[in-house]
């Protein structure tokens, strides 16, 4: 009986960890420092789509920002075109959703 119980517990743990790692494999976390090239505030004023030029690769990366306090900083022109920003975002297919989006000089 103890053997069956321990095998069952191990099986449940294996299923749990396989499921945990498969969810993380779908979205890749990326970090970058770059300059804001342009941004667009959505009509509902709840999201910002910013184009940031990566300092390392010189490529433009489009990042969607949904954090209310960061969106407010765009609306109040605290963050604007030409500002250097540090961003951590989830890359999930064609969508890059910001987790952290801050000016490098502090904001």
C-alpha atoms as a PDB file:
ATOM      1  CA  UNK A   1       0.000   0.000   0.000  1.00  0.00           C
ATOM      2  CA  UNK A   2       2.814   2.408   0.878  1.00  0.00           C
ATOM      3  CA  UNK A   3       4.545   1.618  -2.409  1.00  0.00           C
ATOM      4  CA  UNK A   4       1.435   2.417  -4.452  1.00  0.00           C
ATOM      5  CA  UNK A   5       0.934   5.660  -2.540  1.00  0.00           C
ATOM      6  CA  UNK A   6       4.536   6.791  -3.046  1.00  0.00           C
ATOM      7  CA  UNK A   7       4.420   5.929  -6.771  1.00  0.00           C
ATOM      8  CA  UNK A   8       1.193   7.933  -7.082  1.00  0.00           C
ATOM      9  CA  UNK A   9       2.738  10.952  -5.358  1.00  0.00           C
ATOM     10  CA  UNK A  10       5.789  10.828  -7.627  1.00  0.00           C
ATOM     11  CA  UNK A  11       3.559  10.572 -10.690  1.00  0.00           C
ATOM     12  CA  UNK A  12       1.534  13.621  -9.615  1.00  0.00           C
ATOM     13  CA  UNK A  13       4.739  15.604  -9.003  1.00  0.00           C
ATOM     14  CA  UNK A  14       6.084  14.681 -12.457  1.00  0.00           C
ATOM     15  CA  UNK A  15       2.848  15.793 -14.134  1.00  0.00           C
ATOM     16  CA  UNK A  16       2.903  19.058 -12.149  1.00  0.00           C
ATOM     17  CA  UNK A  17       6.491  19.947 -13.104  1.00  0.00           C
ATOM     18  CA  UNK A  18       6.000  19.006 -16.766  1.00  0.00           C
ATOM     19  CA  UNK A  19       2.966  21.304 -16.887  1.00  0.00           C
ATOM     20  CA  UNK A  20       4.863  24.072 -15.127  1.00  0.00           C
ATOM     21  CA  UNK A  21       7.747  24.021 -17.601  1.00  0.00           C
ATOM     22  CA  UNK A  22       5.512  23.733 -20.666  1.00  0.00           C
ATOM     23  CA  UNK A  23       3.715  26.988 -19.738  1.00  0.00           C
ATOM     24  CA  UNK A  24       7.041  28.823 -19.369  1.00  0.00           C
ATOM     25  CA  UNK A  25       8.224  27.533 -22.728  1.00  0.00           C
ATOM     26  CA  UNK A  26       5.440  29.398 -24.524  1.00  0.00           C
ATOM     27  CA  UNK A  27       6.521  32.899 -23.461  1.00  0.00           C
ATOM     28  CA  UNK A  28      10.174  33.914 -23.471  1.00  0.00           C
ATOM     29  CA  UNK A  29      11.305  36.705 -21.149  1.00  0.00           C
ATOM     30  CA  UNK A  30      13.578  39.264 -22.809  1.00  0.00           C
ATOM     31  CA  UNK A  31      15.476  42.286 -21.439  1.00  0.00           C
ATOM     32  CA  UNK A  32      16.732  45.295 -23.339  1.00  0.00           C
ATOM     33  CA  UNK A  33      17.881  48.886 -23.068  1.00  0.00           C
ATOM     34  CA  UNK A  34      16.987  51.206 -25.903  1.00  0.00           C
ATOM     35  CA  UNK A  35      15.582  54.514 -27.070  1.00  0.00           C
ATOM     36  CA  UNK A  36      11.863  55.190 -27.554  1.00  0.00           C
ATOM     37  CA  UNK A  37      11.406  55.851 -31.294  1.00  0.00           C
ATOM     38  CA  UNK A  38       7.646  56.298 -31.242  1.00  0.00           C
ATOM     39  CA  UNK A  39       4.566  55.371 -29.243  1.00  0.00           C
ATOM     40  CA  UNK A  40       0.796  55.276 -29.635  1.00  0.00           C
ATOM     41  CA  UNK A  41      -1.720  55.463 -26.823  1.00  0.00           C
ATOM     42  CA  UNK A  42      -4.814  53.347 -27.490  1.00  0.00           C
ATOM     43  CA  UNK A  43      -8.245  54.925 -27.884  1.00  0.00           C
ATOM     44  CA  UNK A  44      -9.378  53.557 -24.507  1.00  0.00           C
ATOM     45  CA  UNK A  45      -6.252  55.103 -22.863  1.00  0.00           C
ATOM     46  CA  UNK A  46      -5.368  51.750 -21.206  1.00  0.00           C
ATOM     47  CA  UNK A  47      -2.469  50.542 -23.354  1.00  0.00           C
ATOM     48  CA  UNK A  48       0.549  52.019 -25.082  1.00  0.00           C
ATOM     49  CA  UNK A  49       2.336  50.472 -28.041  1.00  0.00           C
ATOM     50  CA  UNK A  50       5.927  51.696 -28.020  1.00  0.00           C
ATOM     51  CA  UNK A  51       8.645  51.163 -30.615  1.00  0.00           C
ATOM     52  CA  UNK A  52      12.045  50.953 -28.926  1.00  0.00           C
ATOM     53  CA  UNK A  53      15.375  50.841 -30.785  1.00  0.00           C
ATOM     54  CA  UNK A  54      17.579  48.256 -29.036  1.00  0.00           C
ATOM     55  CA  UNK A  55      21.009  49.711 -28.176  1.00  0.00           C
ATOM     56  CA  UNK A  56      22.804  46.389 -28.785  1.00  0.00           C
ATOM     57  CA  UNK A  57      21.208  45.144 -31.996  1.00  0.00           C
ATOM     58  CA  UNK A  58      20.037  48.496 -33.443  1.00  0.00           C
ATOM     59  CA  UNK A  59      16.693  46.823 -34.271  1.00  0.00           C
ATOM     60  CA  UNK A  60      13.266  48.285 -33.551  1.00  0.00           C
ATOM     61  CA  UNK A  61      11.199  46.278 -31.069  1.00  0.00           C
ATOM     62  CA  UNK A  62       7.469  46.896 -30.576  1.00  0.00           C
ATOM     63  CA  UNK A  63       6.378  46.539 -26.949  1.00  0.00           C
ATOM     64  CA  UNK A  64       2.807  46.667 -25.602  1.00  0.00           C
ATOM     65  CA  UNK A  65       2.504  48.335 -22.185  1.00  0.00           C
ATOM     66  CA  UNK A  66      -0.609  47.755 -20.076  1.00  0.00           C
ATOM     67  CA  UNK A  67       0.651  48.833 -16.640  1.00  0.00           C
ATOM     68  CA  UNK A  68      -1.544  51.736 -15.508  1.00  0.00           C
ATOM     69  CA  UNK A  69       1.237  53.800 -13.921  1.00  0.00           C
ATOM     70  CA  UNK A  70       3.507  53.468 -16.976  1.00  0.00           C
ATOM     71  CA  UNK A  71       0.658  54.348 -19.348  1.00  0.00           C
ATOM     72  CA  UNK A  72       0.056  57.469 -17.226  1.00  0.00           C
ATOM     73  CA  UNK A  73       3.739  58.426 -17.628  1.00  0.00           C
ATOM     74  CA  UNK A  74       3.296  58.347 -21.408  1.00  0.00           C
ATOM     75  CA  UNK A  75       0.108  60.423 -21.187  1.00  0.00           C
ATOM     76  CA  UNK A  76       1.798  63.030 -18.967  1.00  0.00           C
ATOM     77  CA  UNK A  77       4.901  63.102 -21.212  1.00  0.00           C
ATOM     78  CA  UNK A  78       7.184  61.819 -18.440  1.00  0.00           C
ATOM     79  CA  UNK A  79       8.283  59.158 -20.946  1.00  0.00           C
ATOM     80  CA  UNK A  80       8.563  60.544 -24.479  1.00  0.00           C
ATOM     81  CA  UNK A  81      10.305  59.974 -27.807  1.00  0.00           C
ATOM     82  CA  UNK A  82      14.088  59.948 -27.473  1.00  0.00           C
ATOM     83  CA  UNK A  83      14.121  58.737 -23.852  1.00  0.00           C
ATOM     84  CA  UNK A  84      16.377  55.804 -23.003  1.00  0.00           C
ATOM     85  CA  UNK A  85      14.387  53.022 -21.319  1.00  0.00           C
ATOM     86  CA  UNK A  86      15.049  49.669 -19.714  1.00  0.00           C
ATOM     87  CA  UNK A  87      12.429  47.031 -20.457  1.00  0.00           C
ATOM     88  CA  UNK A  88      11.705  43.447 -19.498  1.00  0.00           C
ATOM     89  CA  UNK A  89       8.999  41.876 -21.635  1.00  0.00           C
ATOM     90  CA  UNK A  90       7.345  38.560 -22.450  1.00  0.00           C
ATOM     91  CA  UNK A  91       7.895  37.570 -26.072  1.00  0.00           C
ATOM     92  CA  UNK A  92       4.914  35.431 -27.063  1.00  0.00           C
ATOM     93  CA  UNK A  93       4.755  34.987 -30.831  1.00  0.00           C
ATOM     94  CA  UNK A  94       4.479  38.423 -32.451  1.00  0.00           C
ATOM     95  CA  UNK A  95       3.401  40.183 -29.239  1.00  0.00           C
ATOM     96  CA  UNK A  96       5.906  41.636 -26.762  1.00  0.00           C
ATOM     97  CA  UNK A  97       4.075  42.441 -23.507  1.00  0.00           C
ATOM     98  CA  UNK A  98       5.995  44.630 -21.056  1.00  0.00           C
ATOM     99  CA  UNK A  99       6.558  43.465 -17.498  1.00  0.00           C
ATOM    100  CA  UNK A 100       8.913  46.353 -16.641  1.00  0.00           C
ATOM    101  CA  UNK A 101       9.281  49.582 -18.634  1.00  0.00           C
ATOM    102  CA  UNK A 102      11.288  52.392 -16.996  1.00  0.00           C
ATOM    103  CA  UNK A 103      13.538  55.274 -17.937  1.00  0.00           C
ATOM    104  CA  UNK A 104      17.171  54.375 -17.309  1.00  0.00           C
ATOM    105  CA  UNK A 105      17.734  57.740 -15.595  1.00  0.00           C
ATOM    106  CA  UNK A 106      14.948  56.953 -13.139  1.00  0.00           C
ATOM    107  CA  UNK A 107      11.310  57.810 -13.422  1.00  0.00           C
END
